[in-house]
């Protein structure tokens, strides 16, 4: 009897072990809640620092202000941690100085001004804090040397205006580009009846009332103020020969050949000239993730920018062609991801 009981007990123990080992060969799947923590731990987490991004732009009616305001709205929708604050300024030189002083995190300026800052030239001569301080974020619209004269003068180039009355827009045009123009043409100011430097508004008034025969300004195309004057008195936009254009590029490697077609100002002919792209720059300590998110937003919303302003649609285009400064790491990371930079 005892032997029979022992045999029955052993049989029961064997059956129990078989059940525990799963005789069918299947393993019971863990509950979903058991796998969730592991997935969370391996997921990539992007940390964004909430911040106000002060962007030095230019005048309240300029392309830069419109561009930055539009980008700010787009950026806030995708990344509510960021708030863009457009700063109204007098232009590129002030914008760069705001970056250097820490009053802005991003700035728009002409490419040659950015290069001048990094090499401590022009207004930054002797300023040690300016040396190699600026990093490239993205490209922006082109501004060109725009020369205009009443059609009644019959002039096609600057050299046709010897002995006449000349107006030069203050700022970059008067400080740097006018000297390049004179040198490229082999002219001197004494070749003209007079040369006056003034703000563009006063210059255009002088063209309209007949006290000046010629004006020159650095402007995006078309420029509303010049268009209004063209409607009032009839203007031709002066052209440059290839020889003069090559000399201008030799004097300033940031220059690129650009054609202002006659329809822009109802001119009698197309005008070849040179222009410089504006760029967006920052300093080395700009938040890398913020810069990455910014250029991504610009790149993915070109249609919206173009709808806000035709020149705003140029922001984020021709990035590599105008890269004469080192990329900021945040911008470079994004451009590598999309294959623009290897």
Protein backbone atom coordinates (compact mmCIF):
# COMPACT_ATOMS: atom_id res chain seq x y z
CA UNK A 1 0.00 0.00 0.00
CA UNK A 2 2.79 2.37 0.94
CA UNK A 3 4.53 1.57 -2.36
CA UNK A 4 1.37 2.37 -4.32
CA UNK A 5 0.96 5.70 -2.51
CA UNK A 6 4.58 6.61 -3.27
CA UNK A 7 4.10 5.81 -6.94
CA UNK A 8 0.97 7.97 -7.12
CA UNK A 9 2.78 10.88 -5.39
CA UNK A 10 5.72 10.65 -7.80
CA UNK A 11 3.33 10.67 -10.79
CA UNK A 12 1.61 13.78 -9.50
CA UNK A 13 4.96 15.53 -9.05
CA UNK A 14 5.99 14.72 -12.64
CA UNK A 15 2.71 16.08 -14.03
CA UNK A 16 3.18 19.27 -12.02
CA UNK A 17 6.70 19.83 -13.41
CA UNK A 18 5.48 19.28 -16.99
CA UNK A 19 2.78 21.89 -16.54
CA UNK A 20 5.31 24.41 -15.17
CA UNK A 21 7.69 23.88 -18.11
CA UNK A 22 4.90 24.49 -20.68
CA UNK A 23 4.75 21.26 -22.62
CA UNK A 24 3.46 23.12 -25.73
CA UNK A 25 6.79 25.01 -26.07
CA UNK A 26 5.05 28.45 -25.90
CA UNK A 27 6.20 31.20 -23.55
CA UNK A 28 3.58 33.47 -22.07
CA UNK A 29 4.06 37.10 -23.28
CA UNK A 30 4.64 39.69 -20.57
CA UNK A 31 1.90 42.19 -19.92
CA UNK A 32 2.16 45.42 -21.94
CA UNK A 33 2.79 47.40 -18.77
CA UNK A 34 5.96 45.39 -18.15
CA UNK A 35 7.60 46.59 -21.45
CA UNK A 36 6.58 50.25 -21.32
CA UNK A 37 9.23 51.50 -18.85
CA UNK A 38 12.04 50.02 -20.97
CA UNK A 39 10.77 51.84 -24.09
CA UNK A 40 10.59 55.16 -22.22
CA UNK A 41 14.13 54.81 -20.98
CA UNK A 42 15.57 54.32 -24.47
CA UNK A 43 13.59 57.12 -26.19
CA UNK A 44 15.61 60.19 -27.27
CA UNK A 45 14.75 63.28 -25.24
CA UNK A 46 15.30 66.77 -26.69
CA UNK A 47 15.76 69.43 -24.05
CA UNK A 48 14.70 72.96 -25.05
CA UNK A 49 15.43 75.90 -22.81
CA UNK A 50 12.54 78.39 -22.62
CA UNK A 51 13.89 81.76 -23.74
CA UNK A 52 13.24 85.11 -25.37
CA UNK A 53 15.27 85.35 -28.58
CA UNK A 54 16.14 88.98 -29.33
CA UNK A 55 16.81 89.40 -33.05
CA UNK A 56 18.38 92.65 -34.31
CA UNK A 57 16.62 93.31 -37.61
CA UNK A 58 16.54 96.88 -38.97
CA UNK A 59 13.69 99.31 -39.60
CA UNK A 60 10.10 98.44 -38.72
CA UNK A 61 9.09 98.50 -42.40
CA UNK A 62 12.06 96.55 -43.76
CA UNK A 63 12.24 93.01 -45.06
CA UNK A 64 14.21 91.91 -42.00
CA UNK A 65 11.50 92.92 -39.54
CA UNK A 66 8.78 91.22 -41.61
CA UNK A 67 10.91 88.08 -41.93
CA UNK A 68 11.73 87.83 -38.23
CA UNK A 69 8.12 88.46 -37.19
CA UNK A 70 6.92 85.69 -39.52
CA UNK A 71 9.60 83.24 -38.38
CA UNK A 72 8.78 84.08 -34.77
CA UNK A 73 5.14 83.14 -35.25
CA UNK A 74 6.07 79.85 -36.97
CA UNK A 75 8.68 78.98 -34.36
CA UNK A 76 6.31 79.56 -31.45
CA UNK A 77 3.71 77.22 -32.98
CA UNK A 78 6.20 74.35 -33.20
CA UNK A 79 8.23 75.13 -30.09
CA UNK A 80 6.30 77.13 -27.46
CA UNK A 81 9.47 77.34 -25.37
CA UNK A 82 10.73 80.12 -27.68
CA UNK A 83 9.57 83.71 -28.05
CA UNK A 84 11.20 85.83 -30.77
CA UNK A 85 11.54 89.54 -30.04
CA UNK A 86 12.37 91.62 -33.16
CA UNK A 87 14.60 94.58 -32.30
CA UNK A 88 14.21 97.70 -34.47
CA UNK A 89 17.63 99.15 -35.37
CA UNK A 90 19.44 101.34 -37.87
CA UNK A 91 20.89 98.33 -39.69
CA UNK A 92 23.72 95.83 -39.92
CA UNK A 93 26.48 97.55 -37.96
CA UNK A 94 24.21 98.22 -34.99
CA UNK A 95 22.86 94.68 -35.23
CA UNK A 96 26.36 93.22 -34.98
CA UNK A 97 27.19 95.46 -32.02
CA UNK A 98 24.05 94.22 -30.24
CA UNK A 99 25.31 90.67 -30.66
CA UNK A 100 28.75 91.56 -29.35
CA UNK A 101 27.26 93.28 -26.30
CA UNK A 102 24.87 90.40 -25.57
CA UNK A 103 21.74 92.50 -26.23
CA UNK A 104 20.66 90.17 -29.06
CA UNK A 105 21.01 86.44 -29.72
CA UNK A 106 20.64 86.70 -33.49
CA UNK A 107 21.28 89.47 -36.02
CA UNK A 108 20.76 90.27 -39.68
CA UNK A 109 23.61 92.01 -41.47
CA UNK A 110 25.31 92.24 -44.84
CA UNK A 111 27.81 89.48 -45.45
CA UNK A 112 30.74 91.82 -45.94
CA UNK A 113 30.01 93.56 -42.63
CA UNK A 114 30.07 90.17 -40.88
CA UNK A 115 33.43 89.40 -42.48
CA UNK A 116 34.73 92.86 -41.54
CA UNK A 117 33.72 92.27 -37.93
CA UNK A 118 35.48 88.91 -37.70
CA UNK A 119 38.65 90.39 -39.20
CA UNK A 120 38.42 93.58 -37.07
CA UNK A 121 38.02 95.94 -40.02
CA UNK A 122 35.69 98.88 -40.79
CA UNK A 123 33.87 99.91 -37.59
CA UNK A 124 35.42 97.06 -35.60
CA UNK A 125 39.04 98.00 -36.12
CA UNK A 126 40.90 97.52 -32.84
CA UNK A 127 37.93 95.79 -31.20
CA UNK A 128 39.38 92.53 -29.84
CA UNK A 129 35.93 91.23 -28.85
CA UNK A 130 34.91 91.29 -32.53
CA UNK A 131 37.65 88.98 -33.78
CA UNK A 132 36.11 85.74 -35.13
CA UNK A 133 33.02 86.42 -33.01
CA UNK A 134 30.31 85.78 -35.60
CA UNK A 135 28.96 82.43 -36.75
CA UNK A 136 26.78 81.73 -39.77
CA UNK A 137 23.16 80.68 -39.22
CA UNK A 138 21.51 81.08 -42.63
CA UNK A 139 21.40 83.17 -45.78
CA UNK A 140 18.94 85.96 -46.51
CA UNK A 141 17.89 88.30 -49.33
CA UNK A 142 20.26 90.17 -51.63
CA UNK A 143 20.75 93.93 -51.58
CA UNK A 144 22.29 95.51 -54.67
CA UNK A 145 23.95 98.75 -55.65
CA UNK A 146 21.06 100.55 -57.32
CA UNK A 147 22.02 103.60 -59.41
CA UNK A 148 19.23 105.74 -60.80
CA UNK A 149 18.93 108.89 -62.90
CA UNK A 150 16.05 110.74 -64.57
CA UNK A 151 15.54 109.44 -68.09
CA UNK A 152 16.10 112.98 -69.33
CA UNK A 153 19.86 112.70 -68.65
CA UNK A 154 20.20 109.99 -71.28
CA UNK A 155 22.83 108.21 -69.14
CA UNK A 156 23.34 104.44 -69.12
CA UNK A 157 26.40 104.24 -66.85
CA UNK A 158 27.97 106.35 -64.12
CA UNK A 159 30.72 107.48 -66.51
CA UNK A 160 28.05 109.23 -68.60
CA UNK A 161 27.33 111.65 -65.76
CA UNK A 162 30.59 113.61 -65.58
CA UNK A 163 29.96 117.22 -64.63
CA UNK A 164 26.52 116.44 -63.17
CA UNK A 165 25.13 116.55 -59.61
CA UNK A 166 25.51 113.35 -57.62
CA UNK A 167 23.67 112.07 -54.53
CA UNK A 168 25.02 109.15 -52.46
CA UNK A 169 22.90 107.46 -49.81
CA UNK A 170 24.39 107.63 -46.34
CA UNK A 171 25.56 104.49 -44.53
CA UNK A 172 27.25 101.55 -46.23
CA UNK A 173 26.90 103.10 -49.70
CA UNK A 174 28.67 106.34 -48.76
CA UNK A 175 31.17 104.74 -46.37
CA UNK A 176 32.40 101.91 -48.60
CA UNK A 177 30.66 101.16 -51.89
CA UNK A 178 30.86 104.65 -53.43
CA UNK A 179 34.64 104.48 -53.19
CA UNK A 180 34.59 101.09 -54.92
CA UNK A 181 32.43 102.51 -57.72
CA UNK A 182 34.75 105.44 -58.32
CA UNK A 183 37.81 103.17 -58.38
CA UNK A 184 36.16 100.63 -60.69
CA UNK A 185 35.33 103.40 -63.17
CA UNK A 186 38.61 105.26 -62.74
CA UNK A 187 36.71 108.36 -61.59
CA UNK A 188 37.15 110.94 -58.83
CA UNK A 189 34.59 113.09 -57.08
CA UNK A 190 36.10 116.10 -58.80
CA UNK A 191 34.77 114.70 -62.08
CA UNK A 192 31.26 115.75 -60.99
CA UNK A 193 29.70 119.16 -60.34
CA UNK A 194 29.01 118.13 -56.75
CA UNK A 195 28.70 114.98 -54.62
CA UNK A 196 26.33 115.07 -51.65
CA UNK A 197 25.80 112.39 -48.99
CA UNK A 198 22.29 112.24 -47.54
CA UNK A 199 19.57 109.91 -46.36
CA UNK A 200 17.72 108.04 -49.09
CA UNK A 201 14.45 109.92 -48.50
CA UNK A 202 16.13 113.31 -48.95
CA UNK A 203 18.05 112.00 -51.94
CA UNK A 204 14.86 110.91 -53.71
CA UNK A 205 13.22 114.27 -52.98
CA UNK A 206 16.24 115.99 -54.57
CA UNK A 207 15.88 113.79 -57.67
CA UNK A 208 12.18 114.71 -57.90
CA UNK A 209 12.70 118.45 -57.53
CA UNK A 210 15.60 118.46 -60.01
CA UNK A 211 18.45 119.48 -57.68
CA UNK A 212 20.26 116.16 -58.26
CA UNK A 213 20.89 114.24 -61.48
CA UNK A 214 21.84 110.88 -60.00
CA UNK A 215 21.36 108.80 -56.88
CA UNK A 216 22.84 105.55 -55.63
CA UNK A 217 21.65 103.35 -52.80
CA UNK A 218 22.12 99.80 -51.48
CA UNK A 219 18.63 98.31 -51.69
CA UNK A 220 16.65 95.12 -52.15
CA UNK A 221 14.84 94.89 -55.48
CA UNK A 222 12.31 96.32 -55.95
CA UNK A 223 12.57 99.18 -53.49
CA UNK A 224 9.22 100.88 -52.86
CA UNK A 225 10.65 104.38 -52.40
CA UNK A 226 12.64 104.23 -55.64
CA UNK A 227 9.59 102.82 -57.43
CA UNK A 228 7.50 105.79 -56.26
CA UNK A 229 10.11 108.22 -57.59
CA UNK A 230 10.26 106.33 -60.88
CA UNK A 231 6.51 106.76 -61.27
CA UNK A 232 6.83 110.47 -60.49
CA UNK A 233 9.71 111.56 -62.73
CA UNK A 234 10.67 108.52 -64.81
CA UNK A 235 13.96 106.83 -63.92
CA UNK A 236 16.51 104.64 -65.63
CA UNK A 237 18.50 102.21 -63.49
CA UNK A 238 22.13 102.47 -64.58
CA UNK A 239 24.07 99.39 -65.67
CA UNK A 240 27.69 98.26 -65.25
CA UNK A 241 29.92 96.64 -67.86
CA UNK A 242 31.42 93.21 -67.15
CA UNK A 243 34.81 94.91 -66.74
CA UNK A 244 33.46 97.17 -63.99
CA UNK A 245 31.60 94.28 -62.32
CA UNK A 246 34.77 92.16 -62.23
CA UNK A 247 36.68 95.07 -60.70
CA UNK A 248 33.97 95.53 -58.06
CA UNK A 249 34.13 91.83 -57.13
CA UNK A 250 37.92 92.10 -56.93
CA UNK A 251 37.54 95.00 -54.47
CA UNK A 252 34.90 93.18 -52.42
CA UNK A 253 34.69 89.36 -52.80
CA UNK A 254 31.23 89.40 -51.16
CA UNK A 255 29.80 91.05 -54.29
CA UNK A 256 27.85 88.95 -56.80
CA UNK A 257 26.63 89.93 -60.25
CA UNK A 258 22.94 90.77 -60.24
CA UNK A 259 20.55 92.03 -62.93
CA UNK A 260 17.77 94.51 -62.18
CA UNK A 261 15.29 93.88 -64.98
CA UNK A 262 13.72 96.92 -66.57
CA UNK A 263 10.20 96.02 -65.43
CA UNK A 264 11.11 96.59 -61.77
CA UNK A 265 11.25 100.40 -62.21
CA UNK A 266 9.92 100.85 -65.74
CA UNK A 267 13.46 101.54 -66.90
CA UNK A 268 14.39 101.61 -70.58
CA UNK A 269 16.87 98.74 -70.23
CA UNK A 270 17.99 95.94 -67.91
CA UNK A 271 20.77 96.97 -65.53
CA UNK A 272 23.68 94.75 -64.52
CA UNK A 273 25.08 95.54 -61.09
CA UNK A 274 26.55 93.86 -58.02
CA UNK A 275 24.94 92.95 -54.75
CA UNK A 276 25.65 91.46 -51.34
CA UNK A 277 23.51 88.94 -49.53
CA UNK A 278 22.29 89.62 -46.05
CA UNK A 279 22.93 86.80 -43.59
CA UNK A 280 21.78 85.82 -40.13
CA UNK A 281 24.59 85.45 -37.62
CA UNK A 282 25.03 84.69 -33.94
CA UNK A 283 27.89 84.28 -31.48
CA UNK A 284 29.42 81.02 -30.26
CA UNK A 285 27.37 80.92 -27.05
CA UNK A 286 23.97 80.91 -28.83
CA UNK A 287 21.83 77.96 -27.70
CA UNK A 288 22.62 75.07 -30.09
CA UNK A 289 19.17 73.47 -29.94
CA UNK A 290 17.47 76.83 -30.47
CA UNK A 291 19.57 77.57 -33.57
CA UNK A 292 18.84 74.07 -34.89
CA UNK A 293 15.09 74.56 -34.37
CA UNK A 294 15.25 78.01 -35.97
CA UNK A 295 16.92 76.94 -39.24
CA UNK A 296 14.64 73.87 -39.42
CA UNK A 297 11.59 76.14 -39.11
CA UNK A 298 12.90 78.49 -41.82
CA UNK A 299 13.74 75.63 -44.18
CA UNK A 300 10.36 73.92 -43.80
CA UNK A 301 8.22 77.05 -44.22
CA UNK A 302 9.56 78.77 -47.32
CA UNK A 303 6.10 79.19 -48.86
CA UNK A 304 4.84 81.03 -45.77
CA UNK A 305 7.86 83.34 -45.75
CA UNK A 306 7.45 84.05 -49.47
CA UNK A 307 3.80 84.93 -48.90
CA UNK A 308 4.79 87.39 -46.15
CA UNK A 309 7.26 89.21 -48.46
CA UNK A 310 8.98 88.21 -51.74
CA UNK A 311 12.45 88.87 -50.29
CA UNK A 312 11.58 86.93 -47.12
CA UNK A 313 11.25 83.91 -49.41
CA UNK A 314 15.00 84.18 -50.08
CA UNK A 315 15.81 83.44 -46.42
CA UNK A 316 17.23 79.94 -46.07
CA UNK A 317 18.05 79.72 -49.80
CA UNK A 318 21.58 79.56 -51.33
CA UNK A 319 22.99 78.76 -47.91
CA UNK A 320 26.20 77.09 -49.09
CA UNK A 321 26.89 79.61 -51.87
CA UNK A 322 27.10 82.39 -49.27
CA UNK A 323 28.90 80.56 -46.51
CA UNK A 324 32.02 82.66 -45.94
CA UNK A 325 31.76 82.32 -42.14
CA UNK A 326 31.96 79.17 -40.00
CA UNK A 327 28.60 77.57 -39.28
CA UNK A 328 27.21 77.70 -35.77
CA UNK A 329 27.07 74.06 -34.48
CA UNK A 330 23.26 74.12 -34.26
CA UNK A 331 22.90 75.21 -37.89
CA UNK A 332 25.57 72.81 -39.09
CA UNK A 333 23.84 69.87 -37.35
CA UNK A 334 20.59 70.57 -39.18
CA UNK A 335 22.24 71.13 -42.56
CA UNK A 336 24.11 67.82 -42.18
CA UNK A 337 20.87 66.02 -41.39
CA UNK A 338 19.26 67.22 -44.63
CA UNK A 339 22.40 66.52 -46.67
CA UNK A 340 23.30 70.14 -47.41
CA UNK A 341 26.60 69.80 -45.55
CA UNK A 342 28.70 66.64 -45.59
